[in-house]
Protein backbone atom coordinates (compact mmCIF):
# COMPACT_ATOMS: atom_id res chain seq x y z
CA MET A 1 34.42 29.33 -48.76
CA LYS A 2 31.11 28.20 -50.27
CA PHE A 3 32.34 24.61 -50.00
CA SER A 4 33.00 25.06 -46.26
CA TYR A 5 29.47 26.36 -45.65
CA THR A 6 28.06 23.39 -47.53
CA ILE A 7 30.05 20.93 -45.43
CA PHE A 8 28.95 22.70 -42.26
CA ALA A 9 25.30 22.57 -43.32
CA LEU A 10 25.51 18.84 -44.03
CA PHE A 11 27.13 18.31 -40.62
CA VAL A 12 24.32 20.16 -38.82
CA VAL A 13 21.65 18.23 -40.70
CA SER A 14 23.31 14.96 -39.75
CA LEU A 15 23.19 15.93 -36.07
CA PHE A 16 19.43 16.33 -36.12
CA THR A 17 18.65 13.41 -38.38
CA ALA A 18 18.40 9.89 -37.06
CA CYS A 19 17.38 6.56 -38.44
CA THR A 20 14.82 4.50 -36.55
CA THR A 21 14.58 0.74 -36.60
CA ASP A 22 11.85 -1.37 -35.07
CA ILE A 23 13.28 -3.95 -32.70
CA ASN A 24 11.12 -6.82 -31.58
CA ILE A 25 12.01 -7.81 -28.03
CA ASN A 26 10.90 -11.28 -27.10
CA LEU A 27 10.27 -11.25 -23.36
CA LYS A 28 10.01 -14.87 -22.34
CA GLY A 29 7.18 -15.84 -20.07
CA THR A 30 7.92 -16.77 -16.48
CA SER A 31 6.28 -19.09 -13.99
CA PRO A 32 3.60 -17.27 -12.00
CA GLU A 33 4.46 -16.27 -8.44
CA LEU A 34 2.24 -15.76 -5.41
CA VAL A 35 0.95 -12.29 -4.50
CA VAL A 36 -0.55 -11.75 -1.03
CA ASP A 37 -2.61 -8.72 -0.01
CA GLY A 38 -4.39 -8.38 3.31
CA ALA A 39 -4.34 -7.18 6.89
CA ILE A 40 -5.64 -7.89 10.37
CA THR A 41 -6.77 -4.85 12.37
CA THR A 42 -8.31 -4.11 15.76
CA ASP A 43 -11.70 -3.55 14.08
CA THR A 44 -14.27 -6.26 14.73
CA MET A 45 -15.15 -7.35 11.20
CA THR A 46 -14.59 -9.88 8.44
CA HIS A 47 -10.92 -9.54 7.53
CA SER A 48 -9.87 -10.63 4.04
CA ILE A 49 -6.65 -12.02 2.57
CA LEU A 50 -6.42 -11.92 -1.23
CA LEU A 51 -4.22 -14.41 -3.10
CA LYS A 52 -3.31 -13.79 -6.74
CA LYS A 53 -0.73 -14.80 -9.32
CA THR A 54 1.76 -12.61 -11.14
CA ALA A 55 1.45 -12.38 -14.93
CA ASP A 56 3.74 -11.77 -17.88
CA TYR A 57 4.81 -8.18 -18.55
CA PHE A 58 2.57 -7.62 -21.58
CA SER A 59 -0.45 -9.47 -20.18
CA ASN A 60 -3.62 -7.39 -20.35
CA GLU A 61 -5.76 -9.80 -18.38
CA ALA A 62 -6.86 -9.38 -14.77
CA ALA A 63 -4.56 -11.13 -12.31
CA GLU A 64 -5.56 -14.77 -11.83
CA ARG A 65 -6.88 -15.60 -8.37
CA VAL A 66 -5.45 -18.47 -6.32
CA SER A 67 -8.36 -20.69 -5.32
CA GLY A 68 -8.39 -23.81 -3.17
CA ALA A 69 -5.59 -22.79 -0.82
CA VAL A 70 -5.60 -23.65 2.88
CA VAL A 71 -5.06 -20.37 4.77
CA THR A 72 -4.61 -20.28 8.53
CA LEU A 73 -4.06 -17.40 10.93
CA SER A 74 -2.44 -17.54 14.37
CA ASP A 75 -2.09 -14.85 17.04
CA GLY A 76 0.27 -16.95 19.16
CA GLN A 77 -2.60 -18.23 21.30
CA ASN A 78 -5.26 -19.41 18.88
CA THR A 79 -5.25 -20.56 15.26
CA ILE A 80 -8.17 -20.27 12.86
CA THR A 81 -8.70 -21.43 9.28
CA LEU A 82 -9.95 -18.78 6.89
CA THR A 83 -12.86 -19.52 4.56
CA GLU A 84 -12.67 -18.84 0.83
CA ALA A 85 -15.49 -16.56 -0.28
CA MET A 86 -17.83 -18.43 -2.62
CA SER A 87 -18.64 -15.34 -4.68
CA ASN A 88 -15.08 -13.99 -4.72
CA LYS A 89 -12.55 -16.73 -5.45
CA GLY A 90 -9.07 -16.18 -4.09
CA THR A 91 -10.39 -14.13 -1.14
CA TYR A 92 -10.01 -15.86 2.24
CA GLN A 93 -11.94 -14.49 5.18
CA THR A 94 -12.02 -14.57 8.97
CA PRO A 95 -15.30 -14.84 10.91
CA ALA A 96 -17.26 -11.57 11.13
CA ASN A 97 -16.53 -11.23 14.87
CA TYR A 98 -12.75 -11.44 14.49
CA TYR A 99 -10.47 -8.64 15.71
CA GLY A 100 -6.77 -8.17 16.31
CA VAL A 101 -5.28 -7.67 19.77
CA VAL A 102 -2.54 -5.11 20.42
CA GLY A 103 0.75 -6.70 21.45
CA ARG A 104 0.24 -10.00 19.67
CA THR A 105 2.10 -11.16 16.57
CA TYR A 106 -0.05 -12.51 13.75
CA THR A 107 1.23 -15.28 11.50
CA LEU A 108 -0.39 -16.15 8.20
CA THR A 109 0.24 -19.60 6.68
CA ILE A 110 -0.71 -20.54 3.12
CA ASP A 111 -0.77 -24.23 2.09
CA ASN A 112 -2.01 -26.37 -0.79
CA VAL A 113 -0.73 -24.13 -3.58
CA ASP A 114 1.48 -25.12 -6.51
CA MET A 115 2.54 -21.90 -8.14
CA ASN A 116 5.17 -23.33 -10.50
CA GLY A 117 3.07 -26.32 -11.54
CA ASP A 118 5.66 -28.96 -10.66
CA GLY A 119 3.19 -31.12 -8.76
CA VAL A 120 4.69 -30.25 -5.36
CA ASN A 121 2.63 -28.13 -3.02
CA GLU A 122 4.31 -25.13 -1.44
CA ARG A 123 3.91 -23.41 1.91
CA TYR A 124 4.23 -19.67 2.52
CA THR A 125 4.20 -17.75 5.78
CA ALA A 126 4.22 -14.13 6.90
CA SER A 127 4.28 -12.57 10.36
CA CYS A 128 3.54 -9.07 11.63
CA PRO A 129 3.25 -7.65 15.16
CA LEU A 130 0.16 -5.57 15.93
CA ASN A 131 1.24 -2.21 17.38
CA SER A 132 -0.89 0.25 19.34
CA VAL A 133 -2.05 3.64 18.07
CA ALA A 134 -2.66 6.90 19.91
CA HIS A 135 -6.20 8.17 20.50
CA ILE A 136 -7.35 11.22 18.51
CA ASP A 137 -8.85 13.75 20.93
CA SER A 138 -10.26 16.15 18.36
CA LEU A 139 -10.48 16.79 14.63
CA ASP A 140 -10.99 19.90 12.50
CA VAL A 141 -10.94 20.83 8.80
CA LYS A 142 -9.64 24.18 7.56
CA LYS A 143 -9.54 25.58 4.03
CA GLU A 144 -6.06 26.58 2.83
CA HIS A 145 -4.60 27.91 -0.43
CA ILE A 146 -1.40 26.03 -1.24
CA PHE A 147 0.60 26.24 -4.48
CA GLN A 148 -2.25 28.14 -6.15
CA GLU A 149 -4.73 25.40 -5.31
CA ASP A 150 -7.58 25.27 -2.82
CA MET A 151 -7.13 22.45 -0.34
CA HIS A 152 -8.62 21.40 2.97
CA ALA A 153 -6.27 20.47 5.79
CA VAL A 154 -7.45 17.78 8.20
CA LYS A 155 -6.03 18.78 11.59
CA ILE A 156 -5.83 16.71 14.76
CA TRP A 157 -5.27 17.09 18.49
CA MET A 158 -3.46 14.03 19.83
CA GLN A 159 -0.83 12.89 22.33
CA ASP A 160 1.98 10.95 20.68
CA PRO A 161 3.24 8.26 23.09
CA PRO A 162 6.56 9.25 24.68
CA ALA A 163 9.73 7.13 24.73
CA GLU A 164 8.73 4.93 21.81
CA LYS A 165 8.97 5.06 18.04
CA ASN A 166 5.61 5.18 16.29
CA TYR A 167 4.66 4.75 12.65
CA TYR A 168 1.34 5.94 11.27
CA LEU A 169 -0.86 5.17 8.27
CA VAL A 170 -3.44 7.88 7.52
CA ARG A 171 -6.61 7.54 5.44
CA ASP A 172 -9.68 9.76 5.17
CA TYR A 173 -13.40 9.45 4.45
CA LYS A 174 -15.99 11.89 3.10
CA ASN A 175 -19.58 11.20 4.14
CA GLY A 176 -18.63 7.65 5.09
CA LYS A 177 -16.89 6.82 1.79
CA LEU A 178 -13.15 6.12 1.74
CA VAL A 179 -11.46 8.83 -0.34
CA THR A 180 -7.89 7.55 -0.12
CA ASP A 181 -8.94 4.22 -1.60
CA SER A 182 -5.65 3.21 -3.22
CA ILE A 183 -2.19 2.69 -1.77
CA GLN A 184 -0.70 5.61 -3.74
CA GLU A 185 -3.07 7.99 -1.90
CA TRP A 186 -2.37 6.79 1.63
CA GLY A 187 -0.52 9.05 4.04
CA ILE A 188 2.40 7.65 6.04
CA THR A 189 4.66 9.20 8.65
CA ASP A 190 6.69 8.45 11.75
CA ASP A 191 6.90 10.59 14.90
CA GLU A 192 10.47 11.80 14.40
CA PHE A 193 9.44 15.47 14.64
CA PHE A 194 6.76 15.15 17.33
CA ASP A 195 7.83 12.17 19.47
CA GLY A 196 6.15 12.36 22.87
CA LYS A 197 4.50 15.72 22.15
CA TYR A 198 0.88 16.76 22.34
CA MET A 199 -0.07 17.78 18.82
CA ILE A 200 -2.35 20.80 18.56
CA ASP A 201 -3.94 21.75 15.24
CA GLU A 202 -1.49 19.46 13.40
CA THR A 203 -2.21 18.74 9.71
CA PHE A 204 -2.11 15.03 8.91
CA ILE A 205 -3.66 14.89 5.43
CA TYR A 206 -5.27 17.10 2.79
CA PHE A 207 -8.42 17.04 0.70
CA THR A 208 -7.76 18.50 -2.77
CA ASP A 209 -10.44 20.53 -4.54
CA SER A 210 -9.09 19.52 -7.95
CA LYS A 211 -10.29 15.96 -7.30
CA GLN A 212 -14.06 15.72 -7.47
CA ASP A 213 -14.35 12.98 -4.85
CA GLU A 214 -12.28 15.07 -2.40
CA LYS A 215 -13.99 18.44 -2.90
CA LEU A 216 -15.70 19.45 0.33
CA GLN A 217 -18.91 21.41 0.89
CA GLN A 218 -20.38 22.79 4.07
CA GLY A 219 -22.02 20.03 6.08
CA ASP A 220 -19.85 17.20 4.74
CA LYS A 221 -18.81 14.62 7.32
CA VAL A 222 -15.04 14.12 7.41
CA THR A 223 -13.45 11.12 9.12
CA LEU A 224 -9.75 10.58 9.66
CA GLU A 225 -8.51 7.02 10.18
CA LEU A 226 -5.19 6.65 11.97
CA CYS A 227 -3.43 3.27 12.05
CA GLY A 228 -0.49 2.17 14.19
CA ILE A 229 1.74 0.23 11.78
CA THR A 230 5.24 -1.24 11.81
CA LYS A 231 8.30 0.45 10.31
CA ASP A 232 8.63 -2.34 7.75
CA TYR A 233 5.04 -1.94 6.57
CA MET A 234 5.51 1.83 6.31
CA ASN A 235 8.56 1.25 4.09
CA PHE A 236 6.60 -1.22 1.96
CA ILE A 237 3.92 1.43 1.35
CA LYS A 238 6.55 4.05 0.52
CA GLU A 239 8.30 1.75 -1.96
CA ALA A 240 4.98 0.92 -3.64
CA GLN A 241 4.16 4.63 -3.93
CA ASP A 242 7.62 5.39 -5.35
CA GLU A 243 7.16 2.73 -8.03
CA PHE A 244 3.74 4.11 -8.95
CA GLN A 245 5.07 7.68 -9.29
CA GLY A 246 8.12 6.63 -11.30
CA ARG A 247 11.79 7.32 -10.77
CA ASN A 248 13.79 10.43 -11.57
CA PRO A 249 16.15 9.28 -14.35
CA LEU A 250 18.91 11.63 -13.19
CA PHE A 251 18.72 11.45 -9.41
CA GLY A 252 16.72 8.27 -8.74
CA GLY A 253 18.33 5.18 -7.28
CA GLN A 254 18.74 1.84 -8.95
CA PRO A 255 15.43 0.01 -9.49
CA ALA A 256 14.70 -2.81 -7.07
CA ASN A 257 11.82 -5.06 -6.14
CA ILE A 258 9.41 -3.79 -3.51
CA ARG A 259 9.99 -5.50 -0.17
CA THR A 260 7.71 -8.27 1.04
CA ASN A 261 7.26 -10.20 4.28
CA ILE A 262 5.94 -13.32 2.51
CA ILE A 263 8.39 -16.23 2.78
CA GLN A 264 8.34 -19.65 1.12
CA VAL A 265 9.19 -22.31 3.73
CA LEU A 266 8.31 -25.50 1.84
CA PRO A 267 9.77 -27.17 -0.08
CA ALA A 268 12.99 -26.43 1.76
CA ASN A 269 14.96 -25.80 -1.44
CA GLY A 270 12.24 -23.68 -3.02
CA LYS A 271 13.32 -20.62 -4.97
CA ALA A 272 9.97 -18.87 -5.36
CA SER A 273 9.81 -15.10 -5.04
CA PRO A 274 6.44 -14.24 -3.48
CA HIS A 275 5.17 -10.67 -3.47
CA GLY A 276 2.84 -8.43 -1.49
CA TYR A 277 2.45 -7.88 2.22
CA PHE A 278 0.51 -9.24 5.17
CA ALA A 279 0.03 -6.52 7.80
CA ALA A 280 -1.43 -6.19 11.28
CA TYR A 281 -2.25 -2.83 12.84
CA SER A 282 -4.48 -0.98 15.28
CA VAL A 283 -7.04 1.60 14.13
CA THR A 284 -8.59 4.71 15.66
CA ARG A 285 -10.91 7.25 14.03
CA ALA A 286 -12.29 10.72 14.62
CA THR A 287 -15.08 12.55 12.79
CA THR A 288 -16.08 16.19 12.32
CA ILE A 289 -18.56 18.16 10.23
CA TYR A 290 -16.98 20.67 7.84
CA ASP A 291 -18.33 24.15 8.61
CA GLY A 292 -17.36 25.66 5.25
CA LEU A 293 -14.64 27.93 6.63
């Protein structure tokens, strides 16, 4: 009997004891690929397109900028050449008086780049239609207690256009400073649940008191920015946010690359895999002063 207990004890110990071995995984470097980030909006301003290169997985350096490219932009009627910023290499800019027009499709073309270093220049393009956005009639901010946390709901009054599918990007400002300043903080939605309706006191985004830059005080100026985007761009934002938050190992889907609308067109047999997104969208804003209630 004593022998049996001893065997059992050894068995239990073996279950909770494991050997560890260091394994050195040699991840081979890959040729850099193009990353595009930028948008054209209905705001009259200098619009910027940023070109960068991908890096190896364990690289701890800032992404290398792509300088010396020839970047053009067409709205179907006129074509302009963007100018590379002297103080910010890899950033290509429109004139300061440029603005997007609702109903036009904007096409970005990138030339004079050799991402794989084979001595042959490549060409990339991306296109995006510029959709309209509904006007915000009124804005209000109300304090709410949700999940044991103080938050401030930004509420709007707005007519969603009837008989059409709309997709919205939502960002907010406090005292003129963008609070949702990274893609993982942006709000996105479609009008599935309010298509064609007049929205009254509808919450579109929250300020969270636990974040210092979002904490509101009486007299703060709150601005909500509403953008009319495409379905594809909304899905790009959602996929980027999902990757940032991480996947549920039990119920998450298979990992996949985030979508892109950047396409290599030259050389014809090119096999590059560009990344990022070029977007076009309309913008409307509304502002209110928080009354502390």
